């Protein structure tokens, strides 16, 4: 594991980031998190393929060398910001999840400071759950919903900011 200090920052997702994200290939069982090819996403205007949604809801997470580590969607719901996110596959499992998540939650709080922040995670994804818990998220509900591969069981996790952040 690389122990070099890395600082992250959130920026509005640029088209070249979106295109790069579409090339990422996750190993099973994480391959459920892959995207369509970029030209298809753009042509269908789905997710970050829609330039307006990309501008309003998607952020890229960059390090101090401008390398793309991942992304997040900050989806506004009534008094809630729901986070959807992904980290570059070859950087998953390297102990950077907490710092990565802190960058995302800071941006979510900056944009909508009074919102509750939550996310959904499949119950089998223990690695992600540990990272989310380390960043201050707690499981509040478990339920079944449809995925592109059929029904899946999910946890809803809600961010509980540290007392000094309130």
Protein backbone atom coordinates (compact mmCIF):
# COMPACT_ATOMS: atom_id res chain seq x y z
CA UNK A 1 0.00 0.00 0.00
CA UNK A 2 1.30 3.43 -0.93
CA UNK A 3 1.53 5.63 2.16
CA UNK A 4 2.35 8.84 0.31
CA UNK A 5 0.14 11.64 1.65
CA UNK A 6 -2.52 12.45 -0.90
CA UNK A 7 -4.92 15.35 -0.80
CA UNK A 8 -8.15 15.27 -2.75
CA UNK A 9 -10.34 18.00 -4.14
CA UNK A 10 -13.74 18.00 -5.79
CA UNK A 11 -14.32 19.72 -9.13
CA UNK A 12 -17.29 19.77 -11.47
CA UNK A 13 -16.95 16.69 -13.67
CA UNK A 14 -15.48 17.52 -17.06
CA UNK A 15 -16.32 15.59 -20.20
CA UNK A 16 -12.83 14.04 -20.37
CA UNK A 17 -13.33 12.68 -16.83
CA UNK A 18 -16.66 11.17 -17.85
CA UNK A 19 -15.08 9.55 -20.88
CA UNK A 20 -12.26 8.10 -18.75
CA UNK A 21 -14.71 6.72 -16.16
CA UNK A 22 -16.51 4.81 -18.92
CA UNK A 23 -13.26 2.90 -19.62
CA UNK A 24 -12.89 1.61 -16.06
CA UNK A 25 -13.33 -2.13 -15.69
CA UNK A 26 -14.11 -3.59 -12.28
CA UNK A 27 -13.46 -7.25 -11.45
CA UNK A 28 -16.42 -9.43 -10.42
CA UNK A 29 -18.52 -8.98 -8.35
CA UNK A 30 -17.80 -5.22 -8.58
CA UNK A 31 -18.38 -5.26 -12.35
CA UNK A 32 -22.02 -4.33 -11.61
CA UNK A 33 -20.65 -0.79 -11.15
CA UNK A 34 -19.38 -0.37 -14.72
CA UNK A 35 -20.84 2.08 -17.23
CA UNK A 36 -21.81 1.96 -20.88
CA UNK A 37 -19.19 3.09 -23.43
CA UNK A 38 -18.84 6.89 -23.43
CA UNK A 39 -20.27 7.49 -26.90
CA UNK A 40 -23.36 5.51 -25.92
CA UNK A 41 -23.76 7.37 -22.58
CA UNK A 42 -23.39 10.68 -24.40
CA UNK A 43 -25.74 9.70 -27.23
CA UNK A 44 -28.43 8.51 -24.82
CA UNK A 45 -27.77 11.45 -22.47
CA UNK A 46 -27.92 9.15 -19.43
CA UNK A 47 -26.24 9.83 -16.10
CA UNK A 48 -23.14 11.99 -16.66
CA UNK A 49 -23.64 11.58 -20.42
CA UNK A 50 -26.20 14.38 -20.06
CA UNK A 51 -24.15 17.62 -19.95
CA UNK A 52 -26.70 19.44 -17.77
CA UNK A 53 -26.89 16.65 -15.17
CA UNK A 54 -23.09 16.30 -15.28
CA UNK A 55 -22.69 20.05 -14.61
CA UNK A 56 -25.29 20.19 -11.82
CA UNK A 57 -24.81 16.90 -9.99
CA UNK A 58 -21.48 15.21 -10.79
CA UNK A 59 -18.09 15.92 -9.29
CA UNK A 60 -14.69 14.45 -10.07
CA UNK A 61 -12.29 13.68 -7.26
CA UNK A 62 -8.74 14.68 -8.19
CA UNK A 63 -5.48 14.43 -6.30
CA UNK A 64 -2.84 17.15 -6.12
CA UNK A 65 -1.36 15.90 -9.44
CA UNK A 66 -4.77 16.25 -11.17
CA UNK A 67 -5.14 12.46 -11.44
CA UNK A 68 -8.74 11.30 -11.48
CA UNK A 69 -9.39 9.07 -8.46
CA UNK A 70 -13.15 8.82 -8.81
CA UNK A 71 -16.41 10.65 -8.97
CA UNK A 72 -19.64 11.26 -7.14
CA UNK A 73 -23.16 12.22 -8.02
CA UNK A 74 -24.73 14.56 -5.47
CA UNK A 75 -28.38 13.84 -6.18
CA UNK A 76 -30.80 16.30 -4.57
CA UNK A 77 -33.92 14.85 -2.93
CA UNK A 78 -36.21 16.81 -0.59
CA UNK A 79 -33.89 17.80 2.31
CA UNK A 80 -31.48 14.96 1.42
CA UNK A 81 -28.41 14.74 -0.78
CA UNK A 82 -27.99 11.16 -1.97
CA UNK A 83 -24.45 10.25 -2.94
CA UNK A 84 -23.66 7.84 -5.74
CA UNK A 85 -19.95 7.30 -6.25
CA UNK A 86 -17.18 5.31 -7.79
CA UNK A 87 -13.44 5.04 -7.30
CA UNK A 88 -11.00 4.12 -10.04
CA UNK A 89 -10.84 0.30 -9.83
CA UNK A 90 -7.06 -0.03 -9.53
CA UNK A 91 -7.09 2.34 -6.55
CA UNK A 92 -9.84 0.52 -4.61
CA UNK A 93 -8.76 -1.30 -1.47
CA UNK A 94 -5.67 0.88 -0.88
CA UNK A 95 -6.89 2.56 2.30
CA UNK A 96 -7.91 5.85 0.69
CA UNK A 97 -11.68 5.38 1.05
CA UNK A 98 -12.09 7.48 4.19
CA UNK A 99 -10.26 10.52 2.75
CA UNK A 100 -12.06 10.05 -0.59
CA UNK A 101 -15.46 9.98 1.18
CA UNK A 102 -14.59 12.98 3.36
CA UNK A 103 -13.92 15.01 0.21
CA UNK A 104 -17.31 14.01 -1.20
CA UNK A 105 -19.26 14.72 1.99
CA UNK A 106 -17.53 18.11 2.39
CA UNK A 107 -18.66 19.08 -1.11
CA UNK A 108 -22.20 17.83 -0.45
CA UNK A 109 -22.36 19.90 2.76
CA UNK A 110 -20.93 22.94 0.97
CA UNK A 111 -23.60 22.74 -1.73
CA UNK A 112 -26.59 21.98 0.52
CA UNK A 113 -25.52 22.55 4.13
CA UNK A 114 -28.82 21.69 5.80
CA UNK A 115 -29.45 18.43 3.92
CA UNK A 116 -29.07 14.99 5.40
CA UNK A 117 -26.47 13.07 3.37
CA UNK A 118 -27.04 9.44 2.55
CA UNK A 119 -26.04 6.70 0.13
CA UNK A 120 -27.07 3.21 -0.89
CA UNK A 121 -24.66 0.27 -0.91
CA UNK A 122 -25.23 -3.37 -1.74
CA UNK A 123 -25.04 -5.44 1.45
CA UNK A 124 -22.33 -7.76 0.07
CA UNK A 125 -19.94 -4.84 -0.57
CA UNK A 126 -18.20 -5.06 2.80
CA UNK A 127 -15.11 -3.18 1.61
CA UNK A 128 -17.20 -0.12 0.69
CA UNK A 129 -19.28 -0.39 3.87
CA UNK A 130 -16.09 -0.28 5.98
CA UNK A 131 -14.87 2.81 4.09
CA UNK A 132 -18.23 4.54 4.51
CA UNK A 133 -18.36 3.72 8.22
CA UNK A 134 -14.82 5.07 8.62
CA UNK A 135 -15.98 8.33 7.03
CA UNK A 136 -18.93 8.72 9.44
CA UNK A 137 -21.79 6.88 7.72
CA UNK A 138 -24.07 4.51 9.65
CA UNK A 139 -26.50 1.87 8.35
CA UNK A 140 -30.07 3.03 8.97
CA UNK A 141 -32.13 0.71 6.76
CA UNK A 142 -31.89 -2.43 4.62
CA UNK A 143 -34.18 -3.15 1.69
CA UNK A 144 -34.50 -4.83 -1.69
CA UNK A 145 -34.68 -2.96 -4.98
CA UNK A 146 -34.09 -3.60 -8.67
CA UNK A 147 -30.64 -3.31 -10.27
CA UNK A 148 -29.69 -3.83 -13.93
CA UNK A 149 -28.89 -7.45 -12.94
CA UNK A 150 -32.18 -8.07 -11.07
CA UNK A 151 -33.12 -7.65 -7.42
CA UNK A 152 -30.45 -6.60 -4.96
CA UNK A 153 -30.35 -6.03 -1.21
CA UNK A 154 -29.11 -2.61 -0.15
CA UNK A 155 -28.22 -0.75 3.00
CA UNK A 156 -29.08 2.92 3.28
CA UNK A 157 -26.27 4.66 5.15
CA UNK A 158 -26.62 8.16 6.61
CA UNK A 159 -23.75 10.53 7.33
CA UNK A 160 -23.36 11.51 10.97
CA UNK A 161 -20.95 14.46 11.09
CA UNK A 162 -18.52 14.66 13.99
CA UNK A 163 -19.68 16.90 16.85
CA UNK A 164 -17.13 19.59 15.92
CA UNK A 165 -18.56 19.79 12.39
CA UNK A 166 -22.17 20.46 13.42
